[in-house]
Amino acid sequence: MKLNEAVARRIDEYCTERNITVNKLATLSGVIQSTVNSIFTGRSKNPKLQTIVCLCDGLEISLKEFFDSPLFDDIDD
């Protein structure tokens, strides 16, 4: 799996778990909606760490919690 796919899936997991939309997460995190959408559509091939940090802040989780998932165990280059 590619990094951008794993990031998108992980964000989706948290949104589903918390019953919020991606748009709501963008609002909560202060990230521009188009940036979050580009992660989901695959246009963003390499999401910036700062974007992920902001999304984690919006989810009220640590970066460690975000990446603590089997999704990130076998990332392709």
PDB file of N, CA and C in Angstrom:
ATOM      1  N   MET A   1       0.857  -1.185   0.000  1.00  0.00           N
ATOM      2  CA  MET A   1       0.000   0.000   0.000  1.00  0.00           C
ATOM      3  C   MET A   1       0.893   1.236   0.000  1.00  0.00           C
ATOM      4  N   LYS A   2       0.452   2.235  -0.677  1.00  0.00           N
ATOM      5  CA  LYS A   2       1.186   3.501  -0.727  1.00  0.00           C
ATOM      6  C   LYS A   2       0.821   4.357   0.486  1.00  0.00           C
ATOM      7  N   LEU A   3       1.728   5.252   0.843  1.00  0.00           N
ATOM      8  CA  LEU A   3       1.535   6.096   2.017  1.00  0.00           C
ATOM      9  C   LEU A   3       0.247   6.909   1.925  1.00  0.00           C
ATOM     10  N   ASN A   4       0.002   7.529   0.771  1.00  0.00           N
ATOM     11  CA  ASN A   4      -1.194   8.369   0.650  1.00  0.00           C
ATOM     12  C   ASN A   4      -2.475   7.556   0.817  1.00  0.00           C
ATOM     13  N   GLU A   5      -2.469   6.307   0.356  1.00  0.00           N
ATOM     14  CA  GLU A   5      -3.639   5.443   0.532  1.00  0.00           C
ATOM     15  C   GLU A   5      -3.846   5.093   2.002  1.00  0.00           C
ATOM     16  N   ALA A   6      -2.752   4.791   2.696  1.00  0.00           N
ATOM     17  CA  ALA A   6      -2.833   4.449   4.122  1.00  0.00           C
ATOM     18  C   ALA A   6      -3.322   5.644   4.942  1.00  0.00           C
ATOM     19  N   VAL A   7      -2.830   6.830   4.619  1.00  0.00           N
ATOM     20  CA  VAL A   7      -3.262   8.040   5.322  1.00  0.00           C
ATOM     21  C   VAL A   7      -4.750   8.272   5.109  1.00  0.00           C
ATOM     22  N   ALA A   8      -5.205   8.137   3.861  1.00  0.00           N
ATOM     23  CA  ALA A   8      -6.625   8.332   3.558  1.00  0.00           C
ATOM     24  C   ALA A   8      -7.486   7.317   4.303  1.00  0.00           C
ATOM     25  N   ARG A   9      -7.064   6.069   4.315  1.00  0.00           N
ATOM     26  CA  ARG A   9      -7.833   5.041   5.025  1.00  0.00           C
ATOM     27  C   ARG A   9      -7.880   5.310   6.522  1.00  0.00           C
ATOM     28  N   ARG A  10      -6.747   5.749   7.065  1.00  0.00           N
ATOM     29  CA  ARG A  10      -6.698   6.019   8.511  1.00  0.00           C
ATOM     30  C   ARG A  10      -7.614   7.195   8.865  1.00  0.00           C
ATOM     31  N   ILE A  11      -7.596   8.233   8.076  1.00  0.00           N
ATOM     32  CA  ILE A  11      -8.493   9.368   8.313  1.00  0.00           C
ATOM     33  C   ILE A  11      -9.939   8.896   8.232  1.00  0.00           C
ATOM     34  N   ASP A  12     -10.233   8.076   7.236  1.00  0.00           N
ATOM     35  CA  ASP A  12     -11.589   7.559   7.083  1.00  0.00           C
ATOM     36  C   ASP A  12     -12.009   6.729   8.299  1.00  0.00           C
ATOM     37  N   GLU A  13     -11.090   5.930   8.828  1.00  0.00           N
ATOM     38  CA  GLU A  13     -11.388   5.134  10.030  1.00  0.00           C
ATOM     39  C   GLU A  13     -11.807   6.040  11.179  1.00  0.00           C
ATOM     40  N   TYR A  14     -11.036   7.094  11.403  1.00  0.00           N
ATOM     41  CA  TYR A  14     -11.342   8.005  12.509  1.00  0.00           C
ATOM     42  C   TYR A  14     -12.649   8.753  12.270  1.00  0.00           C
ATOM     43  N   CYS A  15     -12.886   9.179  11.053  1.00  0.00           N
ATOM     44  CA  CYS A  15     -14.138   9.894  10.747  1.00  0.00           C
ATOM     45  C   CYS A  15     -15.343   8.975  10.978  1.00  0.00           C
ATOM     46  N   THR A  16     -15.230   7.744  10.528  1.00  0.00           N
ATOM     47  CA  THR A  16     -16.316   6.779  10.718  1.00  0.00           C
ATOM     48  C   THR A  16     -16.533   6.498  12.200  1.00  0.00           C
ATOM     49  N   GLU A  17     -15.439   6.280  12.905  1.00  0.00           N
ATOM     50  CA  GLU A  17     -15.509   5.993  14.341  1.00  0.00           C
ATOM     51  C   GLU A  17     -16.183   7.130  15.111  1.00  0.00           C
ATOM     52  N   ARG A  18     -15.903   8.347  14.707  1.00  0.00           N
ATOM     53  CA  ARG A  18     -16.427   9.520  15.420  1.00  0.00           C
ATOM     54  C   ARG A  18     -17.684  10.092  14.781  1.00  0.00           C
ATOM     55  N   ASN A  19     -18.119   9.443  13.712  1.00  0.00           N
ATOM     56  CA  ASN A  19     -19.338   9.848  13.021  1.00  0.00           C
ATOM     57  C   ASN A  19     -19.278  11.314  12.573  1.00  0.00           C
ATOM     58  N   ILE A  20     -18.153  11.659  11.950  1.00  0.00           N
ATOM     59  CA  ILE A  20     -18.006  12.998  11.385  1.00  0.00           C
ATOM     60  C   ILE A  20     -17.635  12.875   9.913  1.00  0.00           C
ATOM     61  N   THR A  21     -17.956  13.886   9.169  1.00  0.00           N
ATOM     62  CA  THR A  21     -17.598  13.897   7.752  1.00  0.00           C
ATOM     63  C   THR A  21     -16.175  14.413   7.590  1.00  0.00           C
ATOM     64  N   VAL A  22     -15.633  14.172   6.434  1.00  0.00           N
ATOM     65  CA  VAL A  22     -14.301  14.694   6.118  1.00  0.00           C
ATOM     66  C   VAL A  22     -14.333  16.219   6.137  1.00  0.00           C
ATOM     67  N   ASN A  23     -15.431  16.799   5.674  1.00  0.00           N
ATOM     68  CA  ASN A  23     -15.560  18.257   5.694  1.00  0.00           C
ATOM     69  C   ASN A  23     -15.551  18.782   7.121  1.00  0.00           C
ATOM     70  N   LYS A  24     -16.216  18.076   8.026  1.00  0.00           N
ATOM     71  CA  LYS A  24     -16.223  18.475   9.440  1.00  0.00           C
ATOM     72  C   LYS A  24     -14.814  18.378  10.013  1.00  0.00           C
ATOM     73  N   LEU A  25     -14.091  17.319   9.655  1.00  0.00           N
ATOM     74  CA  LEU A  25     -12.716  17.178  10.124  1.00  0.00           C
ATOM     75  C   LEU A  25     -11.858  18.332   9.620  1.00  0.00           C
ATOM     76  N   ALA A  26     -12.048  18.719   8.377  1.00  0.00           N
ATOM     77  CA  ALA A  26     -11.292  19.850   7.836  1.00  0.00           C
ATOM     78  C   ALA A  26     -11.557  21.098   8.662  1.00  0.00           C
ATOM     79  N   THR A  27     -12.806  21.327   9.010  1.00  0.00           N
ATOM     80  CA  THR A  27     -13.169  22.482   9.829  1.00  0.00           C
ATOM     81  C   THR A  27     -12.538  22.392  11.207  1.00  0.00           C
ATOM     82  N   LEU A  28     -12.639  21.230  11.839  1.00  0.00           N
ATOM     83  CA  LEU A  28     -12.088  21.036  13.191  1.00  0.00           C
ATOM     84  C   LEU A  28     -10.575  21.210  13.227  1.00  0.00           C
ATOM     85  N   SER A  29      -9.917  20.817  12.136  1.00  0.00           N
ATOM     86  CA  SER A  29      -8.461  20.834  12.117  1.00  0.00           C
ATOM     87  C   SER A  29      -7.862  22.103  11.526  1.00  0.00           C
ATOM     88  N   GLY A  30      -8.701  22.907  10.881  1.00  0.00           N
ATOM     89  CA  GLY A  30      -8.189  24.126  10.266  1.00  0.00           C
ATOM     90  C   GLY A  30      -7.451  23.876   8.965  1.00  0.00           C
ATOM     91  N   VAL A  31      -7.688  22.713   8.382  1.00  0.00           N
ATOM     92  CA  VAL A  31      -7.070  22.369   7.097  1.00  0.00           C
ATOM     93  C   VAL A  31      -8.076  22.688   5.999  1.00  0.00           C
ATOM     94  N   ILE A  32      -7.619  23.264   4.917  1.00  0.00           N
ATOM     95  CA  ILE A  32      -8.492  23.605   3.805  1.00  0.00           C
ATOM     96  C   ILE A  32      -9.135  22.329   3.277  1.00  0.00           C
ATOM     97  N   GLN A  33     -10.430  22.396   3.048  1.00  0.00           N
ATOM     98  CA  GLN A  33     -11.191  21.229   2.606  1.00  0.00           C
ATOM     99  C   GLN A  33     -10.604  20.601   1.352  1.00  0.00           C
ATOM    100  N   SER A  34     -10.153  21.400   0.429  1.00  0.00           N
ATOM    101  CA  SER A  34      -9.592  20.856  -0.813  1.00  0.00           C
ATOM    102  C   SER A  34      -8.319  20.047  -0.544  1.00  0.00           C
ATOM    103  N   THR A  35      -7.584  20.410   0.496  1.00  0.00           N
ATOM    104  CA  THR A  35      -6.383  19.655   0.862  1.00  0.00           C
ATOM    105  C   THR A  35      -6.763  18.267   1.346  1.00  0.00           C
ATOM    106  N   VAL A  36      -7.770  18.197   2.205  1.00  0.00           N
ATOM    107  CA  VAL A  36      -8.224  16.900   2.713  1.00  0.00           C
ATOM    108  C   VAL A  36      -8.817  16.079   1.570  1.00  0.00           C
ATOM    109  N   ASN A  37      -9.594  16.718   0.718  1.00  0.00           N
ATOM    110  CA  ASN A  37     -10.182  16.010  -0.418  1.00  0.00           C
ATOM    111  C   ASN A  37      -9.101  15.464  -1.352  1.00  0.00           C
ATOM    112  N   SER A  38      -8.016  16.195  -1.530  1.00  0.00           N
ATOM    113  CA  SER A  38      -6.946  15.735  -2.418  1.00  0.00           C
ATOM    114  C   SER A  38      -6.257  14.489  -1.857  1.00  0.00           C
ATOM    115  N   ILE A  39      -6.247  14.340  -0.543  1.00  0.00           N
ATOM    116  CA  ILE A  39      -5.705  13.117   0.067  1.00  0.00           C
ATOM    117  C   ILE A  39      -6.610  11.940  -0.296  1.00  0.00           C
ATOM    118  N   PHE A  40      -7.920  12.157  -0.225  1.00  0.00           N
ATOM    119  CA  PHE A  40      -8.876  11.091  -0.499  1.00  0.00           C
ATOM    120  C   PHE A  40      -8.969  10.725  -1.967  1.00  0.00           C
ATOM    121  N   THR A  41      -8.804  11.674  -2.843  1.00  0.00           N
ATOM    122  CA  THR A  41      -8.920  11.383  -4.273  1.00  0.00           C
ATOM    123  C   THR A  41      -7.615  10.851  -4.862  1.00  0.00           C
ATOM    124  N   GLY A  42      -6.545  10.921  -4.103  1.00  0.00           N
ATOM    125  CA  GLY A  42      -5.262  10.442  -4.583  1.00  0.00           C
ATOM    126  C   GLY A  42      -4.444  11.480  -5.309  1.00  0.00           C
ATOM    127  N   ARG A  43      -4.979  12.697  -5.439  1.00  0.00           N
ATOM    128  CA  ARG A  43      -4.199  13.763  -6.091  1.00  0.00           C
ATOM    129  C   ARG A  43      -2.966  14.103  -5.267  1.00  0.00           C
ATOM    130  N   SER A  44      -3.101  14.000  -3.945  1.00  0.00           N
ATOM    131  CA  SER A  44      -1.964  14.247  -3.060  1.00  0.00           C
ATOM    132  C   SER A  44      -1.217  12.931  -2.882  1.00  0.00           C
ATOM    133  N   LYS A  45      -0.107  12.794  -3.577  1.00  0.00           N
ATOM    134  CA  LYS A  45       0.664  11.544  -3.539  1.00  0.00           C
ATOM    135  C   LYS A  45       1.521  11.423  -2.289  1.00  0.00           C
ATOM    136  N   ASN A  46       1.805  12.555  -1.661  1.00  0.00           N
ATOM    137  CA  ASN A  46       2.665  12.547  -0.481  1.00  0.00           C
ATOM    138  C   ASN A  46       2.171  13.612   0.494  1.00  0.00           C
ATOM    139  N   PRO A  47       1.159  13.289   1.316  1.00  0.00           N
ATOM    140  CA  PRO A  47       0.611  14.289   2.238  1.00  0.00           C
ATOM    141  C   PRO A  47       1.695  14.825   3.169  1.00  0.00           C
ATOM    142  N   LYS A  48       1.674  16.116   3.376  1.00  0.00           N
ATOM    143  CA  LYS A  48       2.675  16.741   4.241  1.00  0.00           C
ATOM    144  C   LYS A  48       2.431  16.362   5.694  1.00  0.00           C
ATOM    145  N   LEU A  49       3.523  16.189   6.411  1.00  0.00           N
ATOM    146  CA  LEU A  49       3.438  15.840   7.821  1.00  0.00           C
ATOM    147  C   LEU A  49       2.670  16.910   8.591  1.00  0.00           C
ATOM    148  N   GLN A  50       2.879  18.171   8.254  1.00  0.00           N
ATOM    149  CA  GLN A  50       2.181  19.262   8.946  1.00  0.00           C
ATOM    150  C   GLN A  50       0.669  19.148   8.756  1.00  0.00           C
ATOM    151  N   THR A  51       0.235  18.714   7.593  1.00  0.00           N
ATOM    152  CA  THR A  51      -1.197  18.509   7.360  1.00  0.00           C
ATOM    153  C   THR A  51      -1.718  17.399   8.260  1.00  0.00           C
ATOM    154  N   ILE A  52      -0.970  16.309   8.350  1.00  0.00           N
ATOM    155  CA  ILE A  52      -1.382  15.194   9.199  1.00  0.00           C
ATOM    156  C   ILE A  52      -1.404  15.617  10.665  1.00  0.00           C
ATOM    157  N   VAL A  53      -0.433  16.419  11.077  1.00  0.00           N
ATOM    158  CA  VAL A  53      -0.413  16.940  12.456  1.00  0.00           C
ATOM    159  C   VAL A  53      -1.667  17.757  12.731  1.00  0.00           C
ATOM    160  N   CYS A  54      -2.049  18.618  11.809  1.00  0.00           N
ATOM    161  CA  CYS A  54      -3.260  19.433  11.982  1.00  0.00           C
ATOM    162  C   CYS A  54      -4.509  18.558  12.051  1.00  0.00           C
ATOM    163  N   LEU A  55      -4.578  17.535  11.208  1.00  0.00           N
ATOM    164  CA  LEU A  55      -5.719  16.625  11.246  1.00  0.00           C
ATOM    165  C   LEU A  55      -5.768  15.883  12.580  1.00  0.00           C
ATOM    166  N   CYS A  56      -4.619  15.490  13.080  1.00  0.00           N
ATOM    167  CA  CYS A  56      -4.561  14.835  14.393  1.00  0.00           C
ATOM    168  C   CYS A  56      -5.043  15.776  15.489  1.00  0.00           C
ATOM    169  N   ASP A  57      -4.665  17.032  15.401  1.00  0.00           N
ATOM    170  CA  ASP A  57      -5.146  18.021  16.372  1.00  0.00           C
ATOM    171  C   ASP A  57      -6.665  18.119  16.316  1.00  0.00           C
ATOM    172  N   GLY A  58      -7.216  18.128  15.120  1.00  0.00           N
ATOM    173  CA  GLY A  58      -8.666  18.189  14.965  1.00  0.00           C
ATOM    174  C   GLY A  58      -9.358  16.958  15.525  1.00  0.00           C
ATOM    175  N   LEU A  59      -8.692  15.815  15.430  1.00  0.00           N
ATOM    176  CA  LEU A  59      -9.236  14.568  15.963  1.00  0.00           C
ATOM    177  C   LEU A  59      -8.934  14.396  17.449  1.00  0.00           C
ATOM    178  N   GLU A  60      -8.093  15.279  17.966  1.00  0.00           N
ATOM    179  CA  GLU A  60      -7.647  15.228  19.363  1.00  0.00           C
ATOM    180  C   GLU A  60      -6.924  13.922  19.671  1.00  0.00           C
ATOM    181  N   ILE A  61      -6.002  13.576  18.766  1.00  0.00           N
ATOM    182  CA  ILE A  61      -5.152  12.410  18.948  1.00  0.00           C
ATOM    183  C   ILE A  61      -3.710  12.820  18.684  1.00  0.00           C
ATOM    184  N   SER A  62      -2.798  11.983  19.124  1.00  0.00           N
ATOM    185  CA  SER A  62      -1.388  12.255  18.860  1.00  0.00           C
ATOM    186  C   SER A  62      -0.998  11.683  17.500  1.00  0.00           C
ATOM    187  N   LEU A  63       0.101  12.169  16.994  1.00  0.00           N
ATOM    188  CA  LEU A  63       0.641  11.655  15.747  1.00  0.00           C
ATOM    189  C   LEU A  63       0.973  10.174  15.902  1.00  0.00           C
ATOM    190  N   LYS A  64       1.468   9.805  17.064  1.00  0.00           N
ATOM    191  CA  LYS A  64       1.780   8.405  17.346  1.00  0.00           C
ATOM    192  C   LYS A  64       0.527   7.544  17.242  1.00  0.00           C
ATOM    193  N   GLU A  65      -0.578   8.013  17.803  1.00  0.00           N
ATOM    194  CA  GLU A  65      -1.836   7.266  17.717  1.00  0.00           C
ATOM    195  C   GLU A  65      -2.268   7.095  16.259  1.00  0.00           C
ATOM    196  N   PHE A  66      -2.119   8.155  15.492  1.00  0.00           N
ATOM    197  CA  PHE A  66      -2.527   8.103  14.088  1.00  0.00           C
ATOM    198  C   PHE A  66      -1.768   7.017  13.336  1.00  0.00           C
ATOM    199  N   PHE A  67      -0.453   6.974  13.521  1.00  0.00           N
ATOM    200  CA  PHE A  67       0.370   6.035  12.772  1.00  0.00           C
ATOM    201  C   PHE A  67       0.444   4.648  13.405  1.00  0.00           C
ATOM    202  N   ASP A  68      -0.168   4.481  14.580  1.00  0.00           N
ATOM    203  CA  ASP A  68      -0.183   3.188  15.252  1.00  0.00           C
ATOM    204  C   ASP A  68      -1.302   2.324  14.677  1.00  0.00           C
ATOM    205  N   SER A  69      -1.067   1.839  13.469  1.00  0.00           N
ATOM    206  CA  SER A  69      -2.054   1.047  12.747  1.00  0.00           C
ATOM    207  C   SER A  69      -1.329   0.093  11.805  1.00  0.00           C
ATOM    208  N   PRO A  70      -1.873  -1.090  11.622  1.00  0.00           N
ATOM    209  CA  PRO A  70      -1.278  -2.027  10.660  1.00  0.00           C
ATOM    210  C   PRO A  70      -1.236  -1.477   9.229  1.00  0.00           C
ATOM    211  N   LEU A  71      -2.034  -0.456   8.963  1.00  0.00           N
ATOM    212  CA  LEU A  71      -2.028   0.155   7.626  1.00  0.00           C
ATOM    213  C   LEU A  71      -0.631   0.649   7.244  1.00  0.00           C
ATOM    214  N   PHE A  72       0.150   1.037   8.233  1.00  0.00           N
ATOM    215  CA  PHE A  72       1.457   1.625   7.972  1.00  0.00           C
ATOM    216  C   PHE A  72       2.620   0.626   8.099  1.00  0.00           C
ATOM    217  N   ASP A  73       2.288  -0.657   8.291  1.00  0.00           N
ATOM    218  CA  ASP A  73       3.330  -1.664   8.485  1.00  0.00           C
ATOM    219  C   ASP A  73       4.110  -1.978   7.210  1.00  0.00           C
ATOM    220  N   ASP A  74       3.438  -1.976   6.080  1.00  0.00           N
ATOM    221  CA  ASP A  74       4.094  -2.362   4.818  1.00  0.00           C
ATOM    222  C   ASP A  74       3.845  -1.318   3.739  1.00  0.00           C
ATOM    223  N   ILE A  75       4.388  -0.142   3.946  1.00  0.00           N
ATOM    224  CA  ILE A  75       4.235   0.952   2.989  1.00  0.00           C
ATOM    225  C   ILE A  75       5.210   0.749   1.826  1.00  0.00           C
ATOM    226  N   ASP A  76       4.676   0.861   0.604  1.00  0.00           N
ATOM    227  CA  ASP A  76       5.511   0.800  -0.598  1.00  0.00           C
ATOM    228  C   ASP A  76       6.164   2.157  -0.828  1.00  0.00           C
ATOM    229  N   ASP A  77       7.305   2.121  -1.463  1.00  0.00           N
ATOM    230  CA  ASP A  77       7.967   3.381  -1.823  1.00  0.00           C
ATOM    231  C   ASP A  77       7.260   4.026  -2.973  1.00  0.00           C
TER     232      ASP A  77
END
